[in-house]
Amino acid sequence: MRSHLILAILLLLVGGCCPSDQDKAYTKVSDESLPVPAIDCAPRNYVCYRTTVSPVIDGKLDESDWQRAPWTELFVDIEGDAKPSPRFATRAKMLWDDTYFYVAGDMEEPDVWAKLTDRDAVIYYDNDFEVFIDPDGDTHEYYELEVNAFGTEWDLFLGKPYRDGGPAIHAWDIRGLKSAVHIDGTLNRPGDTDRGWSIEIAIPWVVLKECAHRDTPPNDGDQWRVNFSRVEWQTRVVDGRYEKVVDSADGKPLPENNWVWSPQGLIAMHYPEMWGLVQFSTLKAAEKTVDFVPSANEEVKWALRRYYYAQRTHRMQYGVYADDVERLKLDVAPPEGWTWPPVVHVTPNWFEASAVNTVEGKRWIICADGDIREEAVPLR
């Protein structure tokens, strides 16, 4: 017993004059950091009503159910209110039936143009309309579709966001996809003034269910993560053709504008936690309106997401994840009803952090690869 006491005293003395193993591990190796949203997560929301008559996919949106379906808010800059409002108006609307999830977009555009005609080309090199869908909101296994004014499609699937290792699977196709564009004006004809273009898309549930991990078609009240983006380039007419405006300093095209339904807070669409929330209703459009019901889980999910951002930056800068939440200096208010700070498990190459609500009997967990999920816990 006495020898153990002496050893303990010696260890305390050594610890008082030498850095701990943990301190040694925290030797800064880089100033790199993970880009993070400059705004709080406040996703826009939309109630998507059912249609009993499948619309003709022609881009015109003239069916009665389309006319009755509500429009989203006008799109904003991808970074949010910190940037100027878009030069041209963009909005979207949605419907669904047993076979398809329908999306429509309407874009004001005084000069409608397009160049790319090969399927699965990088469509955002043209002006385009883009759809992003993460059915279960875990930020993994989500879908992207881009279409230009020619109606050329590029569809891709991501098992993870690029920040978490991606990559996108470009060979993946939405089997049974339908899309069509309507030009209100003329395409690729400089010198006149167009009103714009509209797009109509039908995405089969049979494809979306492959990685949805939830019911498709959705049940009444189900909410999915969805966002829309519009890419808009600045152009000029040279010898009767549209060309992108270039920067006089380096001769490269000026950066494109990214206008979105639900702002991201940074120039990156692949942060699914910032996408909007679509709530599905079994009611027919205009039959009766229902309110969007905010999820009580969003606050704790956002708190855990901010922990994830901090851990990713810590590993970039120090080569390891922090095993002490205090070291991350998180400015996160405790989510009401949840344990906070999170319970953390860290290894050199992995971490998991969780918050628990014992009253509701559930735990939310976020992992080093950004995946976030819910688990049941025993009730008190």
Protein backbone atom coordinates (compact mmCIF):
# COMPACT_ATOMS: atom_id res chain seq x y z
CA MET A 1 0.00 0.00 0.00
CA ARG A 2 2.82 2.39 0.96
CA SER A 3 4.66 1.70 -2.32
CA HIS A 4 1.49 2.50 -4.28
CA LEU A 5 1.18 5.83 -2.42
CA ILE A 6 4.79 6.76 -3.20
CA LEU A 7 4.28 5.88 -6.87
CA ALA A 8 1.14 8.04 -7.02
CA ILE A 9 3.01 11.02 -5.51
CA LEU A 10 5.85 10.59 -8.02
CA LEU A 11 3.38 10.52 -10.91
CA LEU A 12 1.73 13.72 -9.66
CA LEU A 13 5.12 15.42 -9.41
CA VAL A 14 6.07 14.31 -12.91
CA GLY A 15 2.70 15.43 -14.22
CA GLY A 16 3.18 18.83 -12.66
CA CYS A 17 6.41 19.59 -14.52
CA CYS A 18 5.96 17.75 -17.83
CA PRO A 19 3.29 18.03 -20.52
CA SER A 20 0.67 15.30 -20.46
CA ASP A 21 0.31 12.78 -23.26
CA GLN A 22 -2.83 14.61 -24.32
CA ASP A 23 -0.97 17.94 -24.48
CA LYS A 24 1.76 16.33 -26.55
CA ALA A 25 -0.88 15.06 -28.97
CA TYR A 26 -2.19 18.58 -29.46
CA THR A 27 0.76 19.90 -31.41
CA LYS A 28 -0.57 22.14 -34.16
CA VAL A 29 0.34 20.93 -37.61
CA SER A 30 -1.89 23.11 -39.81
CA ASP A 31 -4.08 26.20 -39.86
CA GLU A 32 -6.56 24.50 -42.16
CA SER A 33 -10.21 24.42 -41.10
CA LEU A 34 -13.44 22.88 -42.34
CA PRO A 35 -15.63 25.42 -44.15
CA VAL A 36 -18.79 25.85 -42.09
CA PRO A 37 -22.06 27.71 -42.65
CA ALA A 38 -21.93 31.35 -41.62
CA ILE A 39 -25.61 31.23 -40.65
CA ASP A 40 -27.62 29.16 -38.19
CA CYS A 41 -29.56 26.25 -39.57
CA ALA A 42 -33.05 27.60 -40.21
CA PRO A 43 -34.35 25.51 -43.13
CA ARG A 44 -37.20 26.81 -45.21
CA ASN A 45 -40.20 24.51 -45.27
CA TYR A 46 -42.96 23.49 -47.66
CA VAL A 47 -46.08 21.34 -47.50
CA CYS A 48 -46.26 19.08 -50.57
CA TYR A 49 -49.82 18.07 -51.46
CA ARG A 50 -51.00 15.04 -53.35
CA THR A 51 -52.26 15.09 -56.92
CA THR A 52 -54.91 12.69 -58.16
CA VAL A 53 -54.21 13.38 -61.84
CA SER A 54 -50.65 12.81 -63.02
CA PRO A 55 -49.45 15.97 -64.80
CA VAL A 56 -48.21 15.83 -68.37
CA ILE A 57 -44.46 16.44 -68.15
CA ASP A 58 -44.06 19.22 -70.69
CA GLY A 59 -42.64 22.05 -68.60
CA LYS A 60 -45.77 24.21 -68.85
CA LEU A 61 -47.35 23.71 -65.37
CA ASP A 62 -50.84 24.35 -66.72
CA GLU A 63 -52.68 21.48 -65.00
CA SER A 64 -55.19 22.46 -62.32
CA ASP A 65 -53.26 20.78 -59.47
CA TRP A 66 -50.11 22.65 -60.45
CA GLN A 67 -52.09 25.86 -60.45
CA ARG A 68 -53.37 25.13 -56.94
CA ALA A 69 -50.03 23.99 -55.49
CA PRO A 70 -48.24 26.75 -53.54
CA TRP A 71 -44.99 28.29 -54.71
CA THR A 72 -41.94 28.30 -52.52
CA GLU A 73 -40.43 31.58 -51.42
CA LEU A 74 -38.28 33.30 -54.03
CA PHE A 75 -34.78 31.89 -54.12
CA VAL A 76 -31.97 33.75 -52.33
CA ASP A 77 -28.20 33.79 -52.65
CA ILE A 78 -26.62 30.54 -51.49
CA GLU A 79 -24.79 32.39 -48.68
CA GLY A 80 -27.98 34.00 -47.38
CA ASP A 81 -28.79 37.60 -46.54
CA ALA A 82 -25.11 38.59 -46.42
CA LYS A 83 -25.16 38.69 -50.23
CA PRO A 84 -27.31 40.76 -52.62
CA SER A 85 -30.67 39.42 -53.73
CA PRO A 86 -30.63 37.54 -57.04
CA ARG A 87 -30.95 39.57 -60.24
CA PHE A 88 -33.75 37.34 -61.53
CA ALA A 89 -36.64 35.66 -59.73
CA THR A 90 -36.72 31.88 -59.19
CA ARG A 91 -39.31 29.76 -57.39
CA ALA A 92 -40.43 26.14 -57.20
CA LYS A 93 -43.44 24.00 -56.29
CA MET A 94 -44.00 20.31 -55.59
CA LEU A 95 -46.67 17.60 -55.83
CA TRP A 96 -46.72 13.83 -55.39
CA ASP A 97 -48.70 10.70 -56.15
CA ASP A 98 -48.18 6.96 -55.70
CA THR A 99 -45.63 6.82 -58.53
CA TYR A 100 -43.70 10.08 -58.63
CA PHE A 101 -42.37 13.02 -56.68
CA TYR A 102 -43.04 16.04 -58.92
CA VAL A 103 -40.93 19.20 -58.93
CA ALA A 104 -41.54 22.37 -60.94
CA GLY A 105 -39.31 25.40 -61.27
CA ASP A 106 -39.92 28.81 -62.79
CA MET A 107 -36.98 31.07 -63.69
CA GLU A 108 -37.03 34.65 -64.87
CA GLU A 109 -34.37 35.02 -67.57
CA PRO A 110 -34.11 37.79 -70.22
CA ASP A 111 -31.66 35.74 -72.35
CA VAL A 112 -32.28 31.99 -72.27
CA TRP A 113 -29.28 30.02 -73.51
CA ALA A 114 -27.72 26.58 -73.25
CA LYS A 115 -24.83 24.71 -74.86
CA LEU A 116 -24.54 21.24 -73.31
CA THR A 117 -26.45 18.44 -75.01
CA ASP A 118 -24.71 15.27 -73.75
CA ARG A 119 -26.41 13.49 -70.87
CA ASP A 120 -24.37 13.53 -67.66
CA ALA A 121 -22.21 16.40 -68.83
CA VAL A 122 -21.31 18.85 -66.06
CA ILE A 123 -24.53 20.77 -66.49
CA TYR A 124 -23.72 23.65 -64.12
CA TYR A 125 -21.26 24.90 -66.73
CA ASP A 126 -24.51 26.17 -68.29
CA ASN A 127 -27.27 28.01 -66.47
CA ASP A 128 -29.31 25.26 -64.83
CA PHE A 129 -31.91 24.14 -62.30
CA GLU A 130 -30.85 21.62 -59.64
CA VAL A 131 -32.70 19.29 -57.25
CA PHE A 132 -31.19 17.73 -54.10
CA ILE A 133 -32.99 15.07 -52.03
CA ASP A 134 -31.91 13.41 -48.76
CA PRO A 135 -34.93 11.28 -47.77
CA ASP A 136 -33.99 10.44 -44.17
CA GLY A 137 -31.98 13.57 -43.38
CA ASP A 138 -28.82 11.77 -42.24
CA THR A 139 -26.67 13.74 -44.78
CA HIS A 140 -25.62 10.44 -46.41
CA GLU A 141 -27.05 8.61 -49.44
CA TYR A 142 -28.65 11.47 -51.27
CA TYR A 143 -29.60 12.38 -54.81
CA GLU A 144 -28.78 15.24 -57.16
CA LEU A 145 -30.29 16.19 -60.53
CA GLU A 146 -29.30 19.08 -62.79
CA VAL A 147 -31.09 20.19 -65.97
CA ASN A 148 -30.30 23.02 -68.40
CA ALA A 149 -32.56 24.92 -70.79
CA PHE A 150 -32.03 22.29 -73.50
CA GLY A 151 -33.48 19.74 -71.08
CA THR A 152 -30.11 17.96 -70.81
CA GLU A 153 -29.96 15.93 -67.59
CA TRP A 154 -27.16 15.08 -65.17
CA ASP A 155 -28.14 12.79 -62.31
CA LEU A 156 -25.79 11.54 -59.62
CA PHE A 157 -25.81 9.77 -56.29
CA LEU A 158 -23.63 10.52 -53.27
CA GLY A 159 -23.04 8.02 -50.49
CA LYS A 160 -21.44 10.85 -48.48
CA PRO A 161 -20.88 14.56 -49.00
CA TYR A 162 -17.56 15.50 -50.61
CA ARG A 163 -16.29 16.82 -47.25
CA ASP A 164 -16.71 13.31 -45.81
CA GLY A 165 -15.01 11.49 -48.64
CA GLY A 166 -17.79 11.25 -51.26
CA PRO A 167 -17.33 10.69 -54.14
CA ALA A 168 -20.27 11.19 -56.45
CA ILE A 169 -21.38 8.21 -58.54
CA HIS A 170 -21.87 9.72 -61.99
CA ALA A 171 -22.81 6.43 -63.63
CA TRP A 172 -25.94 6.20 -61.47
CA ASP A 173 -29.19 7.03 -63.29
CA ILE A 174 -32.70 7.82 -62.14
CA ARG A 175 -34.53 5.03 -63.94
CA GLY A 176 -37.84 6.28 -65.27
CA LEU A 177 -36.98 9.96 -64.76
CA LYS A 178 -39.13 12.40 -66.69
CA SER A 179 -38.25 16.04 -67.25
CA ALA A 180 -39.20 18.75 -69.71
CA VAL A 181 -38.42 22.42 -70.24
CA HIS A 182 -40.67 25.16 -71.59
CA ILE A 183 -39.05 28.33 -72.98
CA ASP A 184 -41.11 31.49 -72.66
CA GLY A 185 -39.24 33.27 -75.42
CA THR A 186 -36.45 31.97 -77.64
CA LEU A 187 -33.47 29.76 -76.91
CA ASN A 188 -29.99 30.89 -77.96
CA ARG A 189 -31.19 33.94 -79.85
CA PRO A 190 -29.41 37.12 -78.73
CA GLY A 191 -31.06 40.44 -79.41
CA ASP A 192 -34.57 39.71 -78.16
CA THR A 193 -35.88 39.67 -74.60
CA ASP A 194 -37.22 36.45 -73.09
CA ARG A 195 -39.44 36.10 -70.06
CA GLY A 196 -37.66 32.98 -68.87
CA TRP A 197 -38.01 29.22 -68.68
CA SER A 198 -39.84 26.65 -66.60
CA ILE A 199 -39.09 23.05 -65.83
CA GLU A 200 -41.17 20.05 -64.80
CA ILE A 201 -39.65 16.91 -63.27
CA ALA A 202 -41.08 13.53 -62.21
CA ILE A 203 -38.81 11.34 -60.06
CA PRO A 204 -40.05 7.76 -59.44
CA TRP A 205 -40.42 6.68 -55.82
CA VAL A 206 -39.11 3.24 -56.81
CA VAL A 207 -35.69 4.87 -57.34
CA LEU A 208 -35.79 7.12 -54.29
CA LYS A 209 -36.62 4.21 -52.00
CA GLU A 210 -33.33 2.45 -52.82
CA CYS A 211 -31.47 4.40 -50.14
CA ALA A 212 -34.30 6.22 -48.38
CA HIS A 213 -34.43 3.85 -45.38
CA ARG A 214 -38.03 4.93 -44.95
CA ASP A 215 -41.41 4.50 -46.59
CA THR A 216 -41.91 5.55 -50.21
CA PRO A 217 -44.26 7.05 -51.16
CA PRO A 218 -44.10 8.98 -47.87
CA ASN A 219 -46.72 8.75 -45.19
CA ASP A 220 -48.85 11.72 -44.26
CA GLY A 221 -46.71 14.14 -42.27
CA ASP A 222 -43.34 12.65 -43.23
CA GLN A 223 -40.60 15.21 -43.78
CA TRP A 224 -37.71 14.92 -46.25
CA ARG A 225 -34.65 17.11 -46.73
CA VAL A 226 -34.87 18.82 -50.14
CA ASN A 227 -33.23 21.81 -51.73
CA PHE A 228 -33.14 23.53 -55.10
CA SER A 229 -30.39 25.54 -56.71
CA ARG A 230 -30.17 27.70 -59.79
CA VAL A 231 -26.79 28.38 -61.40
CA GLU A 232 -26.61 31.66 -63.34
CA TRP A 233 -23.56 32.88 -65.27
CA GLN A 234 -22.92 36.44 -66.39
CA THR A 235 -22.79 36.49 -70.19
CA ARG A 236 -22.25 38.84 -73.10
CA VAL A 237 -22.92 38.50 -76.82
CA VAL A 238 -19.86 38.14 -79.08
CA ASP A 239 -20.33 37.60 -82.81
CA GLY A 240 -23.94 36.64 -82.27
CA ARG A 241 -23.19 34.05 -79.57
CA TYR A 242 -23.41 34.01 -75.78
CA GLU A 243 -20.07 33.96 -73.96
CA LYS A 244 -19.34 34.06 -70.25
CA VAL A 245 -18.00 37.35 -68.94
CA VAL A 246 -14.35 36.93 -67.95
CA ASP A 247 -12.30 38.50 -65.20
CA SER A 248 -9.93 41.09 -66.67
CA ALA A 249 -7.22 40.05 -64.22
CA ASP A 250 -6.92 36.34 -65.04
CA GLY A 251 -9.05 35.88 -68.15
CA LYS A 252 -11.24 33.25 -66.46
CA PRO A 253 -15.04 33.40 -66.37
CA LEU A 254 -16.46 35.32 -63.44
CA PRO A 255 -17.79 33.02 -60.70
CA GLU A 256 -21.31 31.82 -61.29
CA ASN A 257 -24.19 32.92 -59.09
CA ASN A 258 -25.84 30.23 -56.98
CA TRP A 259 -29.43 31.00 -56.03
CA VAL A 260 -31.20 28.54 -53.75
CA TRP A 261 -34.47 27.90 -52.00
CA SER A 262 -33.02 27.28 -48.52
CA PRO A 263 -29.74 29.18 -47.94
CA GLN A 264 -26.58 27.24 -47.15
CA GLY A 265 -24.50 29.93 -45.46
CA LEU A 266 -21.51 29.10 -47.66
CA ILE A 267 -20.83 28.43 -51.33
CA ALA A 268 -21.44 24.69 -51.17
CA MET A 269 -24.64 22.76 -51.86
CA HIS A 270 -23.30 19.55 -50.34
CA TYR A 271 -24.14 20.43 -46.75
CA PRO A 272 -27.47 18.55 -46.60
CA GLU A 273 -28.09 19.63 -43.00
CA MET A 274 -28.85 23.11 -44.40
CA TRP A 275 -31.42 21.98 -46.96
CA GLY A 276 -35.11 22.75 -46.68
CA LEU A 277 -37.76 20.46 -45.18
CA VAL A 278 -40.65 19.17 -47.28
CA GLN A 279 -43.65 17.80 -45.39
CA PHE A 280 -45.88 15.46 -47.40
CA SER A 281 -49.64 15.64 -47.07
CA THR A 282 -52.18 13.10 -48.33
CA LEU A 283 -54.60 15.95 -48.94
CA LYS A 284 -55.14 17.12 -52.49
CA ALA A 285 -53.77 20.54 -53.41
CA ALA A 286 -56.22 23.29 -52.37
CA GLU A 287 -58.61 20.73 -50.83
CA LYS A 288 -57.53 22.00 -47.45
CA THR A 289 -54.32 23.57 -46.19
CA VAL A 290 -52.29 22.08 -43.38
CA ASP A 291 -49.57 23.69 -41.32
CA PHE A 292 -45.96 22.64 -41.46
CA VAL A 293 -45.04 21.04 -38.12
CA PRO A 294 -41.51 21.93 -36.98
CA SER A 295 -39.53 18.95 -35.72
CA ALA A 296 -38.39 19.06 -32.11
CA ASN A 297 -35.24 17.19 -33.16
CA GLU A 298 -33.76 19.97 -35.30
CA GLU A 299 -32.24 21.86 -32.36
CA VAL A 300 -30.29 18.89 -30.99
CA LYS A 301 -29.22 17.78 -34.48
CA TRP A 302 -27.83 21.26 -35.20
CA ALA A 303 -26.01 21.33 -31.85
CA LEU A 304 -24.37 17.98 -32.65
CA ARG A 305 -23.56 19.17 -36.16
CA ARG A 306 -21.67 22.14 -34.77
CA TYR A 307 -19.72 19.73 -32.56
CA TYR A 308 -18.88 17.75 -35.70
CA TYR A 309 -17.63 20.90 -37.49
CA ALA A 310 -15.37 21.71 -34.53
CA GLN A 311 -13.98 18.17 -34.32
CA ARG A 312 -13.24 18.08 -38.06
CA THR A 313 -11.29 21.33 -37.80
CA HIS A 314 -9.46 20.12 -34.69
CA ARG A 315 -8.24 17.02 -36.52
CA MET A 316 -7.12 19.09 -39.51
CA GLN A 317 -5.12 21.35 -37.23
CA TYR A 318 -3.79 18.88 -34.65
CA GLY A 319 -3.95 15.52 -36.39
CA VAL A 320 -6.30 14.02 -33.76
CA TYR A 321 -9.84 14.45 -32.52
CA ALA A 322 -10.24 16.22 -29.17
CA ASP A 323 -11.33 13.96 -26.32
CA ASP A 324 -12.29 16.99 -24.23
CA VAL A 325 -15.39 18.89 -25.31
CA GLU A 326 -14.19 21.99 -23.47
CA ARG A 327 -11.14 22.21 -25.71
CA LEU A 328 -13.39 22.77 -28.73
CA LYS A 329 -14.77 25.98 -27.16
CA LEU A 330 -18.23 25.37 -28.56
CA ASP A 331 -20.60 28.30 -28.31
CA VAL A 332 -23.67 26.09 -28.32
CA ALA A 333 -26.66 26.58 -26.06
CA PRO A 334 -27.83 23.33 -24.45
CA PRO A 335 -30.71 21.91 -26.51
CA GLU A 336 -33.79 21.98 -24.30
CA GLY A 337 -34.56 18.57 -22.85
CA TRP A 338 -31.27 16.99 -23.97
CA THR A 339 -28.09 16.12 -22.09
CA TRP A 340 -25.32 18.59 -22.92
CA PRO A 341 -22.39 18.69 -23.48
CA PRO A 342 -22.58 15.53 -25.55
CA VAL A 343 -21.23 12.20 -24.41
CA VAL A 344 -18.10 11.64 -26.48
CA HIS A 345 -16.16 8.54 -27.51
CA VAL A 346 -12.89 9.27 -29.33
CA THR A 347 -10.18 7.15 -30.96
CA PRO A 348 -7.26 8.44 -33.05
CA ASN A 349 -9.31 8.07 -36.24
CA TRP A 350 -12.93 8.23 -35.16
CA PHE A 351 -15.39 9.88 -32.83
CA GLU A 352 -19.02 9.58 -31.85
CA ALA A 353 -20.94 12.17 -29.87
CA SER A 354 -24.44 11.74 -28.53
CA ALA A 355 -27.16 13.62 -26.69
CA VAL A 356 -29.95 11.86 -24.82
CA ASN A 357 -33.54 12.74 -24.01
CA THR A 358 -34.54 10.23 -21.34
CA VAL A 359 -38.07 11.61 -21.10
CA GLU A 360 -38.76 10.85 -24.77
CA GLY A 361 -36.52 7.80 -24.75
CA LYS A 362 -34.20 8.63 -27.61
CA ARG A 363 -30.60 9.44 -28.39
CA TRP A 364 -29.14 11.34 -31.35
CA ILE A 365 -25.63 10.33 -32.41
CA ILE A 366 -23.24 12.04 -34.84
CA CYS A 367 -20.12 10.32 -36.15
CA ALA A 368 -16.79 11.41 -37.58
CA ASP A 369 -18.04 10.89 -41.13
CA GLY A 370 -20.97 13.26 -40.53
CA ASP A 371 -23.65 10.58 -40.36
CA ILE A 372 -26.35 11.47 -37.84
CA ARG A 373 -28.95 9.02 -36.56
CA GLU A 374 -31.54 8.41 -33.87
CA GLU A 375 -31.60 5.49 -31.43
CA ALA A 376 -34.09 4.45 -28.79
CA VAL A 377 -33.02 4.45 -25.13
CA PRO A 378 -34.86 3.00 -22.13
CA LEU A 379 -37.34 5.39 -20.55
CA ARG A 380 -36.90 6.34 -16.92
